[in-house]
Amino acid sequence: MRELTLATVVLLAVATPAFAQPNDVADPYGAKSISIGRYGTIAKKLETAYQNGDRSSEILLNLAAIRIKQNDLQGAEKLYREVLAQPNIDMDTLNGTAWSHDIARRALSVTAVAAK
């Protein structure tokens, strides 16, 4: 089953968020919350999952999206690099399909520009 994923990059004019919508789960990784700027609860949930060892691409990409929106580019970059260290997975998004490595690479290229 494909899970809910949000991959967002720093410059809204440059990058488009990627959302996935499973049929049986409303918002397990907080993509909807993140997309409307409600980070509080979902940030805590994702951070707890991360601290407990969950390194799924969904957790890493959504947590990175929150860190970018909070202007923590270094924290986001670390998470994107963790995605790249894992197997590349195909993720369904509301924008179509996307590979986890493609999302991470695109985000890294934009965050590198933003950091300069």
PDB file of N, CA and C in Angstrom:
ATOM      1  N   MET A   1       0.837  -1.175   0.000  1.00  0.00           N
ATOM      2  CA  MET A   1       0.000   0.000   0.000  1.00  0.00           C
ATOM      3  C   MET A   1       0.880   1.237   0.000  1.00  0.00           C
ATOM      4  N   ARG A   2       0.520   2.191  -0.751  1.00  0.00           N
ATOM      5  CA  ARG A   2       1.263   3.446  -0.795  1.00  0.00           C
ATOM      6  C   ARG A   2       0.744   4.349   0.312  1.00  0.00           C
ATOM      7  N   GLU A   3       1.618   5.139   0.858  1.00  0.00           N
ATOM      8  CA  GLU A   3       1.260   5.965   2.005  1.00  0.00           C
ATOM      9  C   GLU A   3       1.207   7.432   1.618  1.00  0.00           C
ATOM     10  N   LEU A   4       0.657   8.226   2.498  1.00  0.00           N
ATOM     11  CA  LEU A   4       0.530   9.652   2.297  1.00  0.00           C
ATOM     12  C   LEU A   4       1.898  10.298   2.421  1.00  0.00           C
ATOM     13  N   THR A   5       2.263  11.065   1.421  1.00  0.00           N
ATOM     14  CA  THR A   5       3.572  11.688   1.414  1.00  0.00           C
ATOM     15  C   THR A   5       3.482  13.135   0.978  1.00  0.00           C
ATOM     16  N   LEU A   6       4.266  13.960   1.593  1.00  0.00           N
ATOM     17  CA  LEU A   6       4.417  15.336   1.174  1.00  0.00           C
ATOM     18  C   LEU A   6       5.899  15.570   0.978  1.00  0.00           C
ATOM     19  N   ALA A   7       6.252  16.095  -0.173  1.00  0.00           N
ATOM     20  CA  ALA A   7       7.631  16.512  -0.392  1.00  0.00           C
ATOM     21  C   ALA A   7       7.561  17.935  -0.873  1.00  0.00           C
ATOM     22  N   THR A   8       8.079  18.833  -0.090  1.00  0.00           N
ATOM     23  CA  THR A   8       7.988  20.237  -0.422  1.00  0.00           C
ATOM     24  C   THR A   8       9.381  20.820  -0.407  1.00  0.00           C
ATOM     25  N   VAL A   9       9.620  21.793  -1.209  1.00  0.00           N
ATOM     26  CA  VAL A   9      10.909  22.465  -1.225  1.00  0.00           C
ATOM     27  C   VAL A   9      10.720  23.916  -0.897  1.00  0.00           C
ATOM     28  N   VAL A  10      11.822  24.581  -0.602  1.00  0.00           N
ATOM     29  CA  VAL A  10      11.825  25.909  -0.058  1.00  0.00           C
ATOM     30  C   VAL A  10      11.148  26.973  -0.925  1.00  0.00           C
ATOM     31  N   LEU A  11      11.413  27.022  -2.157  1.00  0.00           N
ATOM     32  CA  LEU A  11      10.900  28.088  -3.007  1.00  0.00           C
ATOM     33  C   LEU A  11       9.604  27.650  -3.671  1.00  0.00           C
ATOM     34  N   LEU A  12       8.512  28.198  -3.204  1.00  0.00           N
ATOM     35  CA  LEU A  12       7.216  27.770  -3.708  1.00  0.00           C
ATOM     36  C   LEU A  12       7.083  28.026  -5.205  1.00  0.00           C
ATOM     37  N   ALA A  13       7.721  29.051  -5.692  1.00  0.00           N
ATOM     38  CA  ALA A  13       7.634  29.350  -7.121  1.00  0.00           C
ATOM     39  C   ALA A  13       8.403  28.349  -7.961  1.00  0.00           C
ATOM     40  N   VAL A  14       9.373  27.675  -7.352  1.00  0.00           N
ATOM     41  CA  VAL A  14      10.225  26.744  -8.085  1.00  0.00           C
ATOM     42  C   VAL A  14       9.731  25.313  -7.984  1.00  0.00           C
ATOM     43  N   ALA A  15       9.276  24.948  -6.803  1.00  0.00           N
ATOM     44  CA  ALA A  15       8.952  23.534  -6.571  1.00  0.00           C
ATOM     45  C   ALA A  15       7.487  23.360  -6.223  1.00  0.00           C
ATOM     46  N   THR A  16       6.976  22.192  -6.510  1.00  0.00           N
ATOM     47  CA  THR A  16       5.591  21.848  -6.233  1.00  0.00           C
ATOM     48  C   THR A  16       5.550  20.729  -5.213  1.00  0.00           C
ATOM     49  N   PRO A  17       4.710  20.868  -4.164  1.00  0.00           N
ATOM     50  CA  PRO A  17       4.611  19.773  -3.204  1.00  0.00           C
ATOM     51  C   PRO A  17       4.056  18.517  -3.870  1.00  0.00           C
ATOM     52  N   ALA A  18       4.470  17.383  -3.382  1.00  0.00           N
ATOM     53  CA  ALA A  18       3.950  16.108  -3.881  1.00  0.00           C
ATOM     54  C   ALA A  18       3.154  15.471  -2.758  1.00  0.00           C
ATOM     55  N   PHE A  19       1.914  15.142  -3.032  1.00  0.00           N
ATOM     56  CA  PHE A  19       1.043  14.554  -2.033  1.00  0.00           C
ATOM     57  C   PHE A  19       0.554  13.203  -2.513  1.00  0.00           C
ATOM     58  N   ALA A  20       0.465  12.259  -1.613  1.00  0.00           N
ATOM     59  CA  ALA A  20      -0.132  10.963  -1.931  1.00  0.00           C
ATOM     60  C   ALA A  20      -1.345  10.772  -1.045  1.00  0.00           C
ATOM     61  N   GLN A  21      -2.322  10.084  -1.539  1.00  0.00           N
ATOM     62  CA  GLN A  21      -3.558   9.905  -0.802  1.00  0.00           C
ATOM     63  C   GLN A  21      -3.971   8.441  -0.801  1.00  0.00           C
ATOM     64  N   PRO A  22      -3.711   7.715   0.285  1.00  0.00           N
ATOM     65  CA  PRO A  22      -4.189   6.337   0.346  1.00  0.00           C
ATOM     66  C   PRO A  22      -5.698   6.319   0.524  1.00  0.00           C
ATOM     67  N   ASN A  23      -6.315   5.248   0.124  1.00  0.00           N
ATOM     68  CA  ASN A  23      -7.766   5.152   0.207  1.00  0.00           C
ATOM     69  C   ASN A  23      -8.275   4.937   1.620  1.00  0.00           C
ATOM     70  N   ASP A  24      -7.499   4.263   2.467  1.00  0.00           N
ATOM     71  CA  ASP A  24      -8.011   3.858   3.766  1.00  0.00           C
ATOM     72  C   ASP A  24      -7.484   4.659   4.953  1.00  0.00           C
ATOM     73  N   VAL A  25      -6.616   5.643   4.728  1.00  0.00           N
ATOM     74  CA  VAL A  25      -6.052   6.415   5.824  1.00  0.00           C
ATOM     75  C   VAL A  25      -6.188   7.895   5.494  1.00  0.00           C
ATOM     76  N   ALA A  26      -6.758   8.650   6.422  1.00  0.00           N
ATOM     77  CA  ALA A  26      -7.042  10.055   6.162  1.00  0.00           C
ATOM     78  C   ALA A  26      -5.778  10.889   5.945  1.00  0.00           C
ATOM     79  N   ASP A  27      -4.843  10.848   6.861  1.00  0.00           N
ATOM     80  CA  ASP A  27      -3.654  11.702   6.768  1.00  0.00           C
ATOM     81  C   ASP A  27      -2.558  11.177   7.701  1.00  0.00           C
ATOM     82  N   PRO A  28      -2.068   9.948   7.479  1.00  0.00           N
ATOM     83  CA  PRO A  28      -1.177   9.320   8.458  1.00  0.00           C
ATOM     84  C   PRO A  28       0.162  10.025   8.648  1.00  0.00           C
ATOM     85  N   TYR A  29       0.654  10.714   7.641  1.00  0.00           N
ATOM     86  CA  TYR A  29       1.939  11.391   7.763  1.00  0.00           C
ATOM     87  C   TYR A  29       1.805  12.901   7.727  1.00  0.00           C
ATOM     88  N   GLY A  30       0.592  13.403   7.793  1.00  0.00           N
ATOM     89  CA  GLY A  30       0.360  14.829   7.951  1.00  0.00           C
ATOM     90  C   GLY A  30       0.500  15.696   6.726  1.00  0.00           C
ATOM     91  N   ALA A  31       0.442  15.132   5.539  1.00  0.00           N
ATOM     92  CA  ALA A  31       0.617  15.941   4.323  1.00  0.00           C
ATOM     93  C   ALA A  31      -0.392  17.077   4.259  1.00  0.00           C
ATOM     94  N   LYS A  32      -1.639  16.788   4.597  1.00  0.00           N
ATOM     95  CA  LYS A  32      -2.656  17.837   4.546  1.00  0.00           C
ATOM     96  C   LYS A  32      -2.343  18.939   5.548  1.00  0.00           C
ATOM     97  N   SER A  33      -1.975  18.543   6.751  1.00  0.00           N
ATOM     98  CA  SER A  33      -1.638  19.525   7.779  1.00  0.00           C
ATOM     99  C   SER A  33      -0.442  20.376   7.355  1.00  0.00           C
ATOM    100  N   ILE A  34       0.570  19.742   6.830  1.00  0.00           N
ATOM    101  CA  ILE A  34       1.771  20.461   6.403  1.00  0.00           C
ATOM    102  C   ILE A  34       1.432  21.424   5.274  1.00  0.00           C
ATOM    103  N   SER A  35       0.615  20.980   4.334  1.00  0.00           N
ATOM    104  CA  SER A  35       0.306  21.814   3.169  1.00  0.00           C
ATOM    105  C   SER A  35      -0.461  23.075   3.540  1.00  0.00           C
ATOM    106  N   ILE A  36      -1.166  23.068   4.675  1.00  0.00           N
ATOM    107  CA  ILE A  36      -1.892  24.269   5.086  1.00  0.00           C
ATOM    108  C   ILE A  36      -1.213  24.985   6.253  1.00  0.00           C
ATOM    109  N   GLY A  37       0.010  24.585   6.557  1.00  0.00           N
ATOM    110  CA  GLY A  37       0.801  25.295   7.552  1.00  0.00           C
ATOM    111  C   GLY A  37       0.528  24.936   9.001  1.00  0.00           C
ATOM    112  N   ARG A  38      -0.126  23.832   9.237  1.00  0.00           N
ATOM    113  CA  ARG A  38      -0.381  23.382  10.608  1.00  0.00           C
ATOM    114  C   ARG A  38       0.657  22.323  10.968  1.00  0.00           C
ATOM    115  N   TYR A  39       1.786  22.776  11.490  1.00  0.00           N
ATOM    116  CA  TYR A  39       2.918  21.880  11.739  1.00  0.00           C
ATOM    117  C   TYR A  39       2.950  21.294  13.137  1.00  0.00           C
ATOM    118  N   GLY A  40       2.398  22.000  14.104  1.00  0.00           N
ATOM    119  CA  GLY A  40       2.563  21.646  15.507  1.00  0.00           C
ATOM    120  C   GLY A  40       2.400  20.182  15.846  1.00  0.00           C
ATOM    121  N   THR A  41       1.205  19.678  15.728  1.00  0.00           N
ATOM    122  CA  THR A  41       0.925  18.299  16.129  1.00  0.00           C
ATOM    123  C   THR A  41       1.643  17.300  15.244  1.00  0.00           C
ATOM    124  N   ILE A  42       1.587  17.511  13.940  1.00  0.00           N
ATOM    125  CA  ILE A  42       2.207  16.544  13.030  1.00  0.00           C
ATOM    126  C   ILE A  42       3.731  16.583  13.161  1.00  0.00           C
ATOM    127  N   ALA A  43       4.307  17.741  13.418  1.00  0.00           N
ATOM    128  CA  ALA A  43       5.756  17.822  13.607  1.00  0.00           C
ATOM    129  C   ALA A  43       6.178  16.969  14.798  1.00  0.00           C
ATOM    130  N   LYS A  44       5.417  17.047  15.872  1.00  0.00           N
ATOM    131  CA  LYS A  44       5.725  16.245  17.062  1.00  0.00           C
ATOM    132  C   LYS A  44       5.586  14.757  16.755  1.00  0.00           C
ATOM    133  N   LYS A  45       4.526  14.393  16.031  1.00  0.00           N
ATOM    134  CA  LYS A  45       4.294  12.989  15.679  1.00  0.00           C
ATOM    135  C   LYS A  45       5.432  12.454  14.803  1.00  0.00           C
ATOM    136  N   LEU A  46       5.820  13.216  13.795  1.00  0.00           N
ATOM    137  CA  LEU A  46       6.890  12.781  12.904  1.00  0.00           C
ATOM    138  C   LEU A  46       8.230  12.728  13.627  1.00  0.00           C
ATOM    139  N   GLU A  47       8.491  13.715  14.448  1.00  0.00           N
ATOM    140  CA  GLU A  47       9.749  13.742  15.206  1.00  0.00           C
ATOM    141  C   GLU A  47       9.825  12.553  16.155  1.00  0.00           C
ATOM    142  N   THR A  48       8.720  12.227  16.810  1.00  0.00           N
ATOM    143  CA  THR A  48       8.685  11.064  17.703  1.00  0.00           C
ATOM    144  C   THR A  48       8.957   9.786  16.925  1.00  0.00           C
ATOM    145  N   ALA A  49       8.308   9.640  15.774  1.00  0.00           N
ATOM    146  CA  ALA A  49       8.539   8.459  14.934  1.00  0.00           C
ATOM    147  C   ALA A  49      10.006   8.382  14.530  1.00  0.00           C
ATOM    148  N   TYR A  50      10.586   9.506  14.142  1.00  0.00           N
ATOM    149  CA  TYR A  50      11.990   9.556  13.742  1.00  0.00           C
ATOM    150  C   TYR A  50      12.900   9.181  14.911  1.00  0.00           C
ATOM    151  N   GLN A  51      12.642   9.756  16.080  1.00  0.00           N
ATOM    152  CA  GLN A  51      13.450   9.460  17.266  1.00  0.00           C
ATOM    153  C   GLN A  51      13.327   8.000  17.681  1.00  0.00           C
ATOM    154  N   ASN A  52      12.191   7.383  17.363  1.00  0.00           N
ATOM    155  CA  ASN A  52      11.981   5.969  17.675  1.00  0.00           C
ATOM    156  C   ASN A  52      12.528   5.041  16.600  1.00  0.00           C
ATOM    157  N   GLY A  53      13.211   5.604  15.619  1.00  0.00           N
ATOM    158  CA  GLY A  53      13.889   4.791  14.623  1.00  0.00           C
ATOM    159  C   GLY A  53      13.173   4.598  13.303  1.00  0.00           C
ATOM    160  N   ASP A  54      12.016   5.222  13.109  1.00  0.00           N
ATOM    161  CA  ASP A  54      11.304   5.093  11.836  1.00  0.00           C
ATOM    162  C   ASP A  54      12.017   5.947  10.790  1.00  0.00           C
ATOM    163  N   ARG A  55      12.617   5.281   9.817  1.00  0.00           N
ATOM    164  CA  ARG A  55      13.340   5.978   8.756  1.00  0.00           C
ATOM    165  C   ARG A  55      12.667   5.771   7.400  1.00  0.00           C
ATOM    166  N   SER A  56      11.348   5.588   7.424  1.00  0.00           N
ATOM    167  CA  SER A  56      10.623   5.434   6.160  1.00  0.00           C
ATOM    168  C   SER A  56      10.706   6.742   5.373  1.00  0.00           C
ATOM    169  N   SER A  57      10.659   6.611   4.074  1.00  0.00           N
ATOM    170  CA  SER A  57      10.742   7.798   3.220  1.00  0.00           C
ATOM    171  C   SER A  57       9.630   8.791   3.536  1.00  0.00           C
ATOM    172  N   GLU A  58       8.444   8.298   3.879  1.00  0.00           N
ATOM    173  CA  GLU A  58       7.332   9.181   4.199  1.00  0.00           C
ATOM    174  C   GLU A  58       7.648  10.053   5.413  1.00  0.00           C
ATOM    175  N   ILE A  59       8.195   9.444   6.447  1.00  0.00           N
ATOM    176  CA  ILE A  59       8.568  10.196   7.656  1.00  0.00           C
ATOM    177  C   ILE A  59       9.660  11.199   7.321  1.00  0.00           C
ATOM    178  N   LEU A  60      10.707  10.744   6.651  1.00  0.00           N
ATOM    179  CA  LEU A  60      11.843  11.615   6.349  1.00  0.00           C
ATOM    180  C   LEU A  60      11.453  12.786   5.465  1.00  0.00           C
ATOM    181  N   LEU A  61      10.695  12.524   4.405  1.00  0.00           N
ATOM    182  CA  LEU A  61      10.322  13.592   3.475  1.00  0.00           C
ATOM    183  C   LEU A  61       9.374  14.602   4.121  1.00  0.00           C
ATOM    184  N   ASN A  62       8.422  14.128   4.904  1.00  0.00           N
ATOM    185  CA  ASN A  62       7.492  15.061   5.544  1.00  0.00           C
ATOM    186  C   ASN A  62       8.166  15.867   6.641  1.00  0.00           C
ATOM    187  N   LEU A  63       9.032  15.229   7.405  1.00  0.00           N
ATOM    188  CA  LEU A  63       9.766  15.958   8.431  1.00  0.00           C
ATOM    189  C   LEU A  63      10.696  16.985   7.785  1.00  0.00           C
ATOM    190  N   ALA A  64      11.318  16.627   6.678  1.00  0.00           N
ATOM    191  CA  ALA A  64      12.162  17.588   5.944  1.00  0.00           C
ATOM    192  C   ALA A  64      11.334  18.765   5.444  1.00  0.00           C
ATOM    193  N   ALA A  65      10.111  18.495   4.972  1.00  0.00           N
ATOM    194  CA  ALA A  65       9.246  19.574   4.493  1.00  0.00           C
ATOM    195  C   ALA A  65       8.938  20.564   5.615  1.00  0.00           C
ATOM    196  N   ILE A  66       8.686  20.043   6.800  1.00  0.00           N
ATOM    197  CA  ILE A  66       8.427  20.919   7.944  1.00  0.00           C
ATOM    198  C   ILE A  66       9.670  21.724   8.275  1.00  0.00           C
ATOM    199  N   ARG A  67      10.813  21.076   8.279  1.00  0.00           N
ATOM    200  CA  ARG A  67      12.052  21.791   8.607  1.00  0.00           C
ATOM    201  C   ARG A  67      12.344  22.893   7.600  1.00  0.00           C
ATOM    202  N   ILE A  68      12.063  22.651   6.345  1.00  0.00           N
ATOM    203  CA  ILE A  68      12.253  23.697   5.337  1.00  0.00           C
ATOM    204  C   ILE A  68      11.321  24.867   5.612  1.00  0.00           C
ATOM    205  N   LYS A  69      10.070  24.576   5.887  1.00  0.00           N
ATOM    206  CA  LYS A  69       9.104  25.646   6.146  1.00  0.00           C
ATOM    207  C   LYS A  69       9.467  26.418   7.411  1.00  0.00           C
ATOM    208  N   GLN A  70      10.228  25.790   8.301  1.00  0.00           N
ATOM    209  CA  GLN A  70      10.691  26.458   9.512  1.00  0.00           C
ATOM    210  C   GLN A  70      12.083  27.064   9.310  1.00  0.00           C
ATOM    211  N   ASN A  71      12.542  27.062   8.077  1.00  0.00           N
ATOM    212  CA  ASN A  71      13.832  27.633   7.687  1.00  0.00           C
ATOM    213  C   ASN A  71      15.020  26.909   8.315  1.00  0.00           C
ATOM    214  N   ASP A  72      14.882  25.619   8.549  1.00  0.00           N
ATOM    215  CA  ASP A  72      15.982  24.779   9.034  1.00  0.00           C
ATOM    216  C   ASP A  72      16.517  23.979   7.844  1.00  0.00           C
ATOM    217  N   LEU A  73      17.265  24.653   6.984  1.00  0.00           N
ATOM    218  CA  LEU A  73      17.744  24.014   5.761  1.00  0.00           C
ATOM    219  C   LEU A  73      18.735  22.896   6.044  1.00  0.00           C
ATOM    220  N   GLN A  74      19.576  23.057   7.048  1.00  0.00           N
ATOM    221  CA  GLN A  74      20.542  22.004   7.384  1.00  0.00           C
ATOM    222  C   GLN A  74      19.839  20.749   7.882  1.00  0.00           C
ATOM    223  N   GLY A  75      18.829  20.921   8.714  1.00  0.00           N
ATOM    224  CA  GLY A  75      18.072  19.773   9.203  1.00  0.00           C
ATOM    225  C   GLY A  75      17.358  19.055   8.070  1.00  0.00           C
ATOM    226  N   ALA A  76      16.783  19.814   7.163  1.00  0.00           N
ATOM    227  CA  ALA A  76      16.098  19.225   6.008  1.00  0.00           C
ATOM    228  C   ALA A  76      17.087  18.496   5.122  1.00  0.00           C
ATOM    229  N   GLU A  77      18.229  19.106   4.874  1.00  0.00           N
ATOM    230  CA  GLU A  77      19.239  18.476   4.022  1.00  0.00           C
ATOM    231  C   GLU A  77      19.670  17.125   4.581  1.00  0.00           C
ATOM    232  N   LYS A  78      19.861  17.051   5.887  1.00  0.00           N
ATOM    233  CA  LYS A  78      20.240  15.789   6.526  1.00  0.00           C
ATOM    234  C   LYS A  78      19.189  14.708   6.260  1.00  0.00           C
ATOM    235  N   LEU A  79      17.928  15.076   6.377  1.00  0.00           N
ATOM    236  CA  LEU A  79      16.846  14.114   6.153  1.00  0.00           C
ATOM    237  C   LEU A  79      16.774  13.681   4.691  1.00  0.00           C
ATOM    238  N   TYR A  80      16.941  14.612   3.772  1.00  0.00           N
ATOM    239  CA  TYR A  80      16.931  14.255   2.346  1.00  0.00           C
ATOM    240  C   TYR A  80      18.088  13.306   2.024  1.00  0.00           C
ATOM    241  N   ARG A  81      19.230  13.519   2.644  1.00  0.00           N
ATOM    242  CA  ARG A  81      20.367  12.630   2.407  1.00  0.00           C
ATOM    243  C   ARG A  81      20.093  11.227   2.977  1.00  0.00           C
ATOM    244  N   GLU A  82      19.339  11.166   4.058  1.00  0.00           N
ATOM    245  CA  GLU A  82      18.937   9.858   4.588  1.00  0.00           C
ATOM    246  C   GLU A  82      18.024   9.133   3.600  1.00  0.00           C
ATOM    247  N   VAL A  83      17.130   9.867   2.949  1.00  0.00           N
ATOM    248  CA  VAL A  83      16.268   9.261   1.924  1.00  0.00           C
ATOM    249  C   VAL A  83      17.132   8.671   0.814  1.00  0.00           C
ATOM    250  N   LEU A  84      18.153   9.424   0.384  1.00  0.00           N
ATOM    251  CA  LEU A  84      19.023   8.964  -0.703  1.00  0.00           C
ATOM    252  C   LEU A  84      19.859   7.749  -0.306  1.00  0.00           C
ATOM    253  N   ALA A  85      20.072   7.544   0.979  1.00  0.00           N
ATOM    254  CA  ALA A  85      20.849   6.399   1.451  1.00  0.00           C
ATOM    255  C   ALA A  85      20.014   5.116   1.495  1.00  0.00           C
ATOM    256  N   GLN A  86      18.727   5.238   1.280  1.00  0.00           N
ATOM    257  CA  GLN A  86      17.817   4.089   1.308  1.00  0.00           C
ATOM    258  C   GLN A  86      17.482   3.653  -0.115  1.00  0.00           C
ATOM    259  N   PRO A  87      16.819   2.506  -0.241  1.00  0.00           N
ATOM    260  CA  PRO A  87      16.333   2.114  -1.572  1.00  0.00           C
ATOM    261  C   PRO A  87      15.361   3.158  -2.121  1.00  0.00           C
ATOM    262  N   ASN A  88      15.418   3.370  -3.403  1.00  0.00           N
ATOM    263  CA  ASN A  88      14.538   4.310  -4.088  1.00  0.00           C
ATOM    264  C   ASN A  88      13.154   3.673  -4.214  1.00  0.00           C
ATOM    265  N   ILE A  89      12.119   4.334  -3.683  1.00  0.00           N
ATOM    266  CA  ILE A  89      10.778   3.759  -3.756  1.00  0.00           C
ATOM    267  C   ILE A  89       9.852   4.649  -4.570  1.00  0.00           C
ATOM    268  N   ASP A  90       8.911   3.999  -5.235  1.00  0.00           N
ATOM    269  CA  ASP A  90       7.901   4.690  -6.018  1.00  0.00           C
ATOM    270  C   ASP A  90       6.779   5.115  -5.080  1.00  0.00           C
ATOM    271  N   MET A  91       6.435   6.380  -5.126  1.00  0.00           N
ATOM    272  CA  MET A  91       5.417   6.913  -4.231  1.00  0.00           C
ATOM    273  C   MET A  91       4.307   7.541  -5.058  1.00  0.00           C
ATOM    274  N   ASP A  92       3.076   7.170  -4.752  1.00  0.00           N
ATOM    275  CA  ASP A  92       1.940   7.824  -5.384  1.00  0.00           C
ATOM    276  C   ASP A  92       1.754   9.188  -4.742  1.00  0.00           C
ATOM    277  N   THR A  93       1.546  10.191  -5.561  1.00  0.00           N
ATOM    278  CA  THR A  93       1.288  11.532  -5.059  1.00  0.00           C
ATOM    279  C   THR A  93       0.059  12.081  -5.757  1.00  0.00           C
ATOM    280  N   LEU A  94      -0.506  13.145  -5.215  1.00  0.00           N
ATOM    281  CA  LEU A  94      -1.642  13.774  -5.878  1.00  0.00           C
ATOM    282  C   LEU A  94      -1.223  14.367  -7.217  1.00  0.00           C
ATOM    283  N   ASN A  95       0.073  14.597  -7.382  1.00  0.00           N
ATOM    284  CA  ASN A  95       0.601  15.132  -8.626  1.00  0.00           C
ATOM    285  C   ASN A  95       1.031  14.028  -9.581  1.00  0.00           C
ATOM    286  N   GLY A  96       0.727  12.792  -9.274  1.00  0.00           N
ATOM    287  CA  GLY A  96       1.159  11.653 -10.082  1.00  0.00           C
ATOM    288  C   GLY A  96       2.010  10.741  -9.233  1.00  0.00           C
ATOM    289  N   THR A  97       3.004  10.133  -9.841  1.00  0.00           N
ATOM    290  CA  THR A  97       3.921   9.307  -9.065  1.00  0.00           C
ATOM    291  C   THR A  97       5.274   9.979  -9.029  1.00  0.00           C
ATOM    292  N   ALA A  98       6.027   9.644  -8.027  1.00  0.00           N
ATOM    293  CA  ALA A  98       7.366  10.206  -7.877  1.00  0.00           C
ATOM    294  C   ALA A  98       8.226   9.200  -7.132  1.00  0.00           C
ATOM    295  N   TRP A  99       9.469   9.159  -7.489  1.00  0.00           N
ATOM    296  CA  TRP A  99      10.430   8.308  -6.789  1.00  0.00           C
ATOM    297  C   TRP A  99      11.022   9.089  -5.626  1.00  0.00           C
ATOM    298  N   SER A 100      11.204   8.414  -4.512  1.00  0.00           N
ATOM    299  CA  SER A 100      11.702   9.077  -3.309  1.00  0.00           C
ATOM    300  C   SER A 100      13.033   9.781  -3.560  1.00  0.00           C
ATOM    301  N   HIS A 101      13.921   9.165  -4.331  1.00  0.00           N
ATOM    302  CA  HIS A 101      15.219   9.788  -4.611  1.00  0.00           C
ATOM    303  C   HIS A 101      15.058  11.043  -5.466  1.00  0.00           C
ATOM    304  N   ASP A 102      14.119  11.026  -6.407  1.00  0.00           N
ATOM    305  CA  ASP A 102      13.882  12.211  -7.233  1.00  0.00           C
ATOM    306  C   ASP A 102      13.386  13.377  -6.389  1.00  0.00           C
ATOM    307  N   ILE A 103      12.477  13.083  -5.465  1.00  0.00           N
ATOM    308  CA  ILE A 103      11.970  14.126  -4.570  1.00  0.00           C
ATOM    309  C   ILE A 103      13.112  14.700  -3.740  1.00  0.00           C
ATOM    310  N   ALA A 104      13.912  13.831  -3.152  1.00  0.00           N
ATOM    311  CA  ALA A 104      15.020  14.286  -2.301  1.00  0.00           C
ATOM    312  C   ALA A 104      16.053  15.078  -3.102  1.00  0.00           C
ATOM    313  N   ARG A 105      16.412  14.593  -4.285  1.00  0.00           N
ATOM    314  CA  ARG A 105      17.404  15.314  -5.111  1.00  0.00           C
ATOM    315  C   ARG A 105      16.888  16.692  -5.520  1.00  0.00           C
ATOM    316  N   ARG A 106      15.620  16.756  -5.929  1.00  0.00           N
ATOM    317  CA  ARG A 106      15.046  18.039  -6.336  1.00  0.00           C
ATOM    318  C   ARG A 106      15.056  19.005  -5.153  1.00  0.00           C
ATOM    319  N   ALA A 107      14.664  18.524  -3.998  1.00  0.00           N
ATOM    320  CA  ALA A 107      14.651  19.374  -2.814  1.00  0.00           C
ATOM    321  C   ALA A 107      16.055  19.820  -2.430  1.00  0.00           C
ATOM    322  N   LEU A 108      17.018  18.921  -2.512  1.00  0.00           N
ATOM    323  CA  LEU A 108      18.406  19.288  -2.195  1.00  0.00           C
ATOM    324  C   LEU A 108      18.934  20.351  -3.151  1.00  0.00           C
ATOM    325  N   SER A 109      18.586  20.263  -4.422  1.00  0.00           N
ATOM    326  CA  SER A 109      19.086  21.260  -5.378  1.00  0.00           C
ATOM    327  C   SER A 109      18.500  22.635  -5.083  1.00  0.00           C
ATOM    328  N   VAL A 110      17.246  22.677  -4.655  1.00  0.00           N
ATOM    329  CA  VAL A 110      16.623  23.947  -4.338  1.00  0.00           C
ATOM    330  C   VAL A 110      17.136  24.492  -3.001  1.00  0.00           C
ATOM    331  N   THR A 111      17.301  23.631  -2.002  1.00  0.00           N
ATOM    332  CA  THR A 111      17.795  24.109  -0.714  1.00  0.00           C
ATOM    333  C   THR A 111      19.236  24.583  -0.817  1.00  0.00           C
ATOM    334  N   ALA A 112      20.013  23.979  -1.705  1.00  0.00           N
ATOM    335  CA  ALA A 112      21.392  24.437  -1.915  1.00  0.00           C
ATOM    336  C   ALA A 112      21.410  25.849  -2.474  1.00  0.00           C
ATOM    337  N   VAL A 113      20.507  26.137  -3.386  1.00  0.00           N
ATOM    338  CA  VAL A 113      20.402  27.488  -3.957  1.00  0.00           C
ATOM    339  C   VAL A 113      19.936  28.464  -2.886  1.00  0.00           C
ATOM    340  N   ALA A 114      18.961  28.059  -2.090  1.00  0.00           N
ATOM    341  CA  ALA A 114      18.412  28.931  -1.049  1.00  0.00           C
ATOM    342  C   ALA A 114      19.442  29.233   0.027  1.00  0.00           C
ATOM    343  N   ALA A 115      20.355  28.294   0.277  1.00  0.00           N
ATOM    344  CA  ALA A 115      21.345  28.471   1.345  1.00  0.00           C
ATOM    345  C   ALA A 115      22.453  29.456   0.943  1.00  0.00           C
ATOM    346  N   LYS A 116      22.580  29.707  -0.339  1.00  0.00           N
ATOM    347  CA  LYS A 116      23.654  30.605  -0.798  1.00  0.00           C
ATOM    348  C   LYS A 116      23.329  32.051  -0.585  1.00  0.00           C
TER     349      LYS A 116
END
